[in-house]
Amino acid sequence: MDFEFSEEQNLLRSTIREFAEAEIRPKMMEWDEKQEFPWDCVKQLGELGLMGIMFPDEYGGSGLGYIEYALAVEELARVDGSIGLTVAAHNGLCSNHMYLFGTEAQKKKYLTPLAKGDWVGAWSLTEPTAGSDAGGTRTVAVEDGDHWILNGAKTFTTHGAVGKVCVIFAVTDKDKGKRGISSFIIEQGTPGYRAGKKENKMGLRASETSEVIMEDCRIPKDQLVGERGEGFIQAMKILDGGRVSIAALALGMARGAFEAALRYSTEREQFGRPIAD
């Protein structure tokens, strides 16, 4: 098996590295200190095809694979972990969920603007008592004619406030345990749906993270994703893919830290010589 990168993959890496150095590095500290979501940068990332890197051209994506996705996240995170996380969460969670489990109509309506970078997506699973243990979900969705009514709260949702659309997990059949959880699409601006407290994080502060709250949030039945009761299985599959990008994120941030430390060690002098010596 050949583990070398192709010429096209190496070109993608160098293109993203040049972009990150020119467009992200000069502004990253300002974004972090202000906890400011970098909308202009996200628009540029969309123009580069990175906001839909894994999805087919028919949905506005770049039609590439997980290797290219990981390379993109690594190179962005090398300069700014916040930007790397934004691309990872947008692609690997919300957009990928719609691509893998959504209907054709849902893909055309939601995945296309997400893949083009016109929208930013959120994916809301975690609750105060249910994180990776999705079986502990307490948010509920009740049928009401041609609609679902959702009530509950999520926490630690990446893009919870800035996301134009969010995939939400809720209990539809309480007596079925993990098989009673379903996933839904909720658009920003839907009555009864709002962002709650924004998290004041220790790092990655330009990547917005917040609560998501639903109070009698009424959505059409066709905003159920996949079959009723499949939400837990869907979540586990999405998280498996998401771990690929989180590994790339960690690698990129580690490389950036190493390069910064190495550079400093050649500049900082003690006793008349660089400390690198």
Protein backbone atom coordinates (compact mmCIF):
# COMPACT_ATOMS: atom_id res chain seq x y z
CA MET A 1 0.00 0.00 0.00
CA ASP A 2 1.31 3.44 -0.97
CA PHE A 3 1.08 5.94 1.87
CA GLU A 4 2.63 8.83 -0.08
CA PHE A 5 0.43 11.82 -0.88
CA SER A 6 -0.46 12.37 -4.51
CA GLU A 7 0.67 15.41 -6.46
CA GLU A 8 -2.86 16.82 -6.19
CA GLN A 9 -2.92 16.30 -2.43
CA ASN A 10 0.44 18.00 -1.98
CA LEU A 11 -0.78 20.91 -4.09
CA LEU A 12 -3.90 21.18 -1.93
CA ARG A 13 -1.75 21.22 1.20
CA SER A 14 0.51 23.99 -0.10
CA THR A 15 -2.46 26.05 -1.30
CA ILE A 16 -4.15 25.88 2.10
CA ARG A 17 -0.87 26.61 3.89
CA GLU A 18 -0.34 29.74 1.79
CA PHE A 19 -3.90 30.86 2.45
CA ALA A 20 -3.56 30.28 6.19
CA GLU A 21 -0.32 32.25 6.41
CA ALA A 22 -1.62 35.15 4.30
CA GLU A 23 -5.25 35.42 5.44
CA ILE A 24 -5.51 33.82 8.89
CA ARG A 25 -2.24 34.39 10.76
CA PRO A 26 -2.41 38.21 10.67
CA LYS A 27 -5.91 38.21 12.21
CA MET A 28 -6.01 35.13 14.44
CA MET A 29 -5.10 36.87 17.71
CA GLU A 30 -7.70 39.58 17.17
CA TRP A 31 -10.40 36.99 16.47
CA ASP A 32 -9.42 35.00 19.55
CA GLU A 33 -9.20 37.97 21.92
CA LYS A 34 -12.55 39.36 20.74
CA GLN A 35 -14.12 35.88 20.58
CA GLU A 36 -15.23 36.95 17.13
CA PHE A 37 -16.56 34.45 14.59
CA PRO A 38 -14.60 35.16 11.36
CA TRP A 39 -17.41 35.38 8.80
CA ASP A 40 -15.19 36.89 6.09
CA CYS A 41 -12.68 34.06 6.47
CA VAL A 42 -15.44 31.45 6.31
CA LYS A 43 -16.65 33.02 3.07
CA GLN A 44 -13.13 32.68 1.65
CA LEU A 45 -12.94 29.07 2.82
CA GLY A 46 -16.17 28.45 0.94
CA GLU A 47 -14.69 29.96 -2.21
CA LEU A 48 -11.71 27.60 -1.83
CA GLY A 49 -14.11 24.66 -1.65
CA LEU A 50 -13.18 23.75 1.92
CA MET A 51 -16.65 24.14 3.43
CA GLY A 52 -17.88 21.24 1.33
CA ILE A 53 -14.65 19.40 0.69
CA MET A 54 -16.08 15.86 1.03
CA PHE A 55 -19.35 16.28 -0.85
CA PRO A 56 -20.15 15.77 -4.55
CA ASP A 57 -20.26 18.61 -7.03
CA GLU A 58 -24.00 18.11 -7.48
CA TYR A 59 -24.47 19.50 -3.96
CA GLY A 60 -21.95 22.31 -4.37
CA GLY A 61 -19.02 20.41 -2.87
CA SER A 62 -15.47 19.71 -4.00
CA GLY A 63 -15.88 15.95 -4.39
CA LEU A 64 -12.74 15.04 -2.44
CA GLY A 65 -12.19 12.48 0.31
CA TYR A 66 -11.20 12.07 3.94
CA ILE A 67 -7.48 12.36 3.23
CA GLU A 68 -7.96 15.78 1.64
CA TYR A 69 -10.35 16.72 4.45
CA ALA A 70 -7.78 15.78 7.09
CA LEU A 71 -5.02 17.65 5.25
CA ALA A 72 -7.19 20.78 5.11
CA VAL A 73 -8.04 20.68 8.81
CA GLU A 74 -4.39 20.00 9.74
CA GLU A 75 -3.02 22.92 7.74
CA LEU A 76 -5.66 25.36 9.01
CA ALA A 77 -5.17 24.23 12.63
CA ARG A 78 -1.40 24.65 12.28
CA VAL A 79 -2.07 28.40 12.15
CA ASP A 80 -5.37 28.70 14.03
CA GLY A 81 -7.17 25.87 15.79
CA SER A 82 -10.41 27.85 15.77
CA ILE A 83 -10.54 27.89 11.98
CA GLY A 84 -9.58 24.22 11.81
CA LEU A 85 -12.39 23.38 14.24
CA THR A 86 -14.91 25.46 12.29
CA VAL A 87 -14.15 23.56 9.08
CA ALA A 88 -14.10 20.20 10.91
CA ALA A 89 -17.43 20.66 12.70
CA HIS A 90 -19.17 22.17 9.68
CA ASN A 91 -18.10 19.39 7.31
CA GLY A 92 -17.87 16.36 9.56
CA LEU A 93 -20.95 16.87 11.73
CA CYS A 94 -23.86 18.89 10.35
CA SER A 95 -23.16 18.65 6.63
CA ASN A 96 -22.06 15.01 6.73
CA HIS A 97 -25.16 14.05 8.70
CA MET A 98 -27.38 15.48 5.99
CA TYR A 99 -25.30 13.88 3.25
CA LEU A 100 -25.34 10.40 4.78
CA PHE A 101 -28.90 10.29 6.11
CA GLY A 102 -30.91 13.10 4.54
CA THR A 103 -33.46 12.77 1.77
CA GLU A 104 -32.68 14.13 -1.69
CA ALA A 105 -34.94 17.10 -0.96
CA GLN A 106 -33.10 17.81 2.30
CA LYS A 107 -29.73 17.60 0.56
CA LYS A 108 -30.79 20.03 -2.15
CA LYS A 109 -32.29 22.47 0.34
CA TYR A 110 -29.70 22.33 3.12
CA LEU A 111 -26.50 20.56 2.05
CA THR A 112 -26.00 22.67 -1.07
CA PRO A 113 -25.72 26.07 0.69
CA LEU A 114 -23.69 24.43 3.46
CA ALA A 115 -21.21 22.88 1.02
CA LYS A 116 -20.83 26.18 -0.84
CA GLY A 117 -20.05 27.99 2.39
CA ASP A 118 -23.10 30.23 2.10
CA TRP A 119 -24.34 28.79 5.41
CA VAL A 120 -22.61 27.48 8.52
CA GLY A 121 -24.05 24.35 10.12
CA ALA A 122 -24.43 23.16 13.71
CA TRP A 123 -24.87 19.65 15.13
CA SER A 124 -26.37 19.43 18.59
CA LEU A 125 -26.10 16.20 20.57
CA THR A 126 -24.54 17.07 23.93
CA GLU A 127 -26.70 17.82 26.97
CA PRO A 128 -25.68 18.47 30.58
CA THR A 129 -26.37 14.76 31.31
CA ALA A 130 -25.76 13.30 27.84
CA GLY A 131 -22.67 13.77 25.72
CA SER A 132 -21.00 10.86 24.01
CA ASP A 133 -23.58 8.84 25.96
CA ALA A 134 -26.31 9.83 23.54
CA GLY A 135 -28.60 7.31 25.20
CA GLY A 136 -29.05 9.79 28.05
CA THR A 137 -30.75 12.36 25.80
CA ARG A 138 -33.63 14.19 27.51
CA THR A 139 -34.71 16.59 24.76
CA VAL A 140 -38.08 15.33 23.51
CA ALA A 141 -39.98 15.53 20.23
CA VAL A 142 -43.73 14.88 20.19
CA GLU A 143 -45.87 14.35 17.11
CA ASP A 144 -48.64 16.87 16.54
CA GLY A 145 -50.44 16.31 13.25
CA ASP A 146 -48.07 17.18 10.42
CA HIS A 147 -45.47 18.61 12.80
CA TRP A 148 -43.05 17.73 15.57
CA ILE A 149 -42.87 19.82 18.74
CA LEU A 150 -39.45 19.85 20.42
CA ASN A 151 -38.60 20.81 23.99
CA GLY A 152 -35.22 20.64 25.67
CA ALA A 153 -31.75 22.14 25.81
CA LYS A 154 -28.34 21.26 24.41
CA THR A 155 -24.93 22.47 25.48
CA PHE A 156 -21.44 22.80 23.91
CA THR A 157 -22.91 23.14 20.41
CA THR A 158 -20.33 24.36 17.91
CA HIS A 159 -21.97 27.09 15.79
CA GLY A 160 -25.02 27.00 18.05
CA ALA A 161 -25.61 30.74 17.59
CA VAL A 162 -24.11 31.37 14.13
CA GLY A 163 -25.38 28.20 12.44
CA LYS A 164 -28.04 28.83 9.80
CA VAL A 165 -29.27 25.27 10.29
CA CYS A 166 -28.79 22.66 13.02
CA VAL A 167 -29.18 18.90 13.31
CA ILE A 168 -30.80 18.16 16.70
CA PHE A 169 -31.27 14.85 18.54
CA ALA A 170 -34.41 14.22 20.58
CA VAL A 171 -36.31 11.36 22.18
CA THR A 172 -39.36 10.32 20.14
CA ASP A 173 -40.12 7.02 21.90
CA LYS A 174 -39.10 7.10 25.57
CA ASP A 175 -39.77 3.42 26.24
CA LYS A 176 -37.35 2.29 23.51
CA GLY A 177 -34.14 3.65 25.05
CA LYS A 178 -31.42 4.32 22.49
CA ARG A 179 -33.75 3.10 19.73
CA GLY A 180 -36.18 5.84 20.64
CA ILE A 181 -33.93 8.75 19.62
CA SER A 182 -34.40 10.57 16.31
CA SER A 183 -32.65 13.45 14.53
CA PHE A 184 -34.21 16.59 13.11
CA ILE A 185 -33.26 19.64 11.06
CA ILE A 186 -34.09 23.02 12.58
CA GLU A 187 -33.52 26.30 10.76
CA GLN A 188 -32.30 29.41 12.53
CA GLY A 189 -35.25 31.73 13.15
CA THR A 190 -37.76 28.93 13.77
CA PRO A 191 -40.11 30.06 16.60
CA GLY A 192 -39.21 28.36 19.87
CA TYR A 193 -35.61 27.71 18.82
CA ARG A 194 -32.79 29.93 20.05
CA ALA A 195 -29.18 29.98 21.14
CA GLY A 196 -28.54 30.19 24.87
CA LYS A 197 -25.39 31.06 26.79
CA LYS A 198 -22.21 31.40 24.77
CA GLU A 199 -19.34 29.45 26.33
CA ASN A 200 -16.34 31.51 27.49
CA LYS A 201 -13.70 28.96 26.48
CA MET A 202 -10.03 28.77 27.42
CA GLY A 203 -9.00 28.38 23.79
CA LEU A 204 -10.33 28.10 20.23
CA ARG A 205 -12.36 31.18 21.09
CA ALA A 206 -13.04 32.29 17.51
CA SER A 207 -14.95 29.03 17.03
CA GLU A 208 -18.32 29.84 18.57
CA THR A 209 -19.81 27.37 21.07
CA SER A 210 -23.14 27.85 22.82
CA GLU A 211 -26.25 26.33 24.29
CA VAL A 212 -29.24 25.57 22.06
CA ILE A 213 -32.73 25.81 23.56
CA MET A 214 -36.06 24.56 22.26
CA GLU A 215 -39.32 25.69 23.85
CA ASP A 216 -42.37 24.32 22.03
CA CYS A 217 -40.34 24.48 18.82
CA ARG A 218 -42.67 23.40 16.02
CA ILE A 219 -41.19 21.99 12.80
CA PRO A 220 -42.72 20.16 9.80
CA LYS A 221 -42.63 16.36 9.85
CA ASP A 222 -40.39 16.29 6.76
CA GLN A 223 -37.53 17.73 8.86
CA LEU A 224 -37.03 14.34 10.49
CA VAL A 225 -33.71 12.95 9.20
CA GLY A 226 -33.81 9.31 8.18
CA GLU A 227 -36.22 6.98 9.96
CA ARG A 228 -37.76 7.55 13.36
CA GLY A 229 -35.63 5.93 16.05
CA GLU A 230 -32.40 5.91 14.02
CA GLY A 231 -30.86 8.96 15.70
CA PHE A 232 -28.52 7.12 18.05
CA ILE A 233 -27.11 4.94 15.27
CA GLN A 234 -26.71 7.97 13.05
CA ALA A 235 -24.89 9.88 15.81
CA MET A 236 -22.41 7.05 16.39
CA LYS A 237 -21.58 6.86 12.67
CA ILE A 238 -21.11 10.63 12.44
CA LEU A 239 -18.88 10.68 15.53
CA ASP A 240 -16.70 7.93 14.03
CA GLY A 241 -15.98 10.16 11.03
CA GLY A 242 -15.65 13.25 13.22
CA ARG A 243 -12.80 11.68 15.16
CA VAL A 244 -10.74 11.65 11.97
CA SER A 245 -10.91 15.44 11.73
CA ILE A 246 -10.30 15.93 15.47
CA ALA A 247 -7.10 13.88 15.13
CA ALA A 248 -6.07 16.09 12.20
CA LEU A 249 -6.93 19.16 14.28
CA ALA A 250 -4.73 17.96 17.14
CA LEU A 251 -1.87 17.16 14.76
CA GLY A 252 -2.06 20.58 13.12
CA MET A 253 -2.11 22.43 16.44
CA ALA A 254 0.82 20.33 17.69
CA ARG A 255 2.81 21.15 14.55
CA GLY A 256 2.06 24.84 14.96
CA ALA A 257 3.17 24.76 18.60
CA PHE A 258 6.36 22.87 17.77
CA GLU A 259 7.24 25.29 14.96
CA ALA A 260 6.63 28.30 17.22
CA ALA A 261 8.79 26.81 19.99
CA LEU A 262 11.56 25.91 17.54
CA ARG A 263 11.54 29.39 16.05
CA TYR A 264 11.70 30.98 19.50
CA SER A 265 14.57 28.73 20.57
CA THR A 266 16.73 30.02 17.71
CA GLU A 267 15.94 33.67 18.52
CA ARG A 268 16.10 33.67 22.33
CA GLU A 269 19.66 34.01 23.66
CA GLN A 270 21.07 33.20 27.07
CA PHE A 271 24.76 33.47 28.02
CA GLY A 272 25.58 34.77 24.56
CA ARG A 273 24.10 31.95 22.51
CA PRO A 274 20.63 30.83 21.26
CA ILE A 275 18.93 28.45 23.71
CA ALA A 276 18.53 25.97 20.83
CA ASP A 277 22.26 25.34 21.14
